[in-house]
């Protein structure tokens, strides 16, 4: 259902472009070099790394978390829980830099706490919701892996430069097109970005969707 909704979002968004020479490339969506293309849902923000053997990837992930959490600090307000969480992340990064092998459950437990804090207490339920999903070819999805947002952003840009077909709205998500304002952090994917993304989907697809009474 989400994949079909995102496909419609892409088609409708391209149709709204003033330049009438633009159209959604159904041929590229269906085939690549005469082979049928498989599509999947890309998690814009990954929950955790799949490989604990890749220390560099884990360090990048926790550095990303630390930067996002530090943006939650308020100068005039003390937040002991936040400070303790940042200390735990710094300790984890230090252990990883020393080459220590970390138990998988320890990483997941810390990531769960981080995700809950970054998601404003919604326990990370958004992770598998529309607000954290973009449409991407399955092979391109695999190439992105569970990288942090800014790393995925660079990879999407590189794929586009190489002439690979990236759906219009997927590119716009990673360019932060839907949430550009003076406070936008291009290297982070935050709650405000998710809200702006959902609002854009509602705005574009409003005339295609029918309200129902529960």
Foldseek 3Di string as FASTA:
>chain_A
DLQVLQVVLLQLVQPPDPPNVTGDPVVLCQDDPNHGFAKDKAQLAFLAAPDLVPLVQRLQVLVQLLVLLVVVDDPVDDDPVSVVLSVVSVVVNVCSVVVHRDDPVVSNVSSQVSCCVQQVNPSNPCRPPSLRIHMDTPVLSVVLHNGGNQSNLVSVVVCVVVVRDDRPVVNCLLCLVQPDDPPDDSRHCGPSSSVSSVVSSCVSCVVVDDDDDD
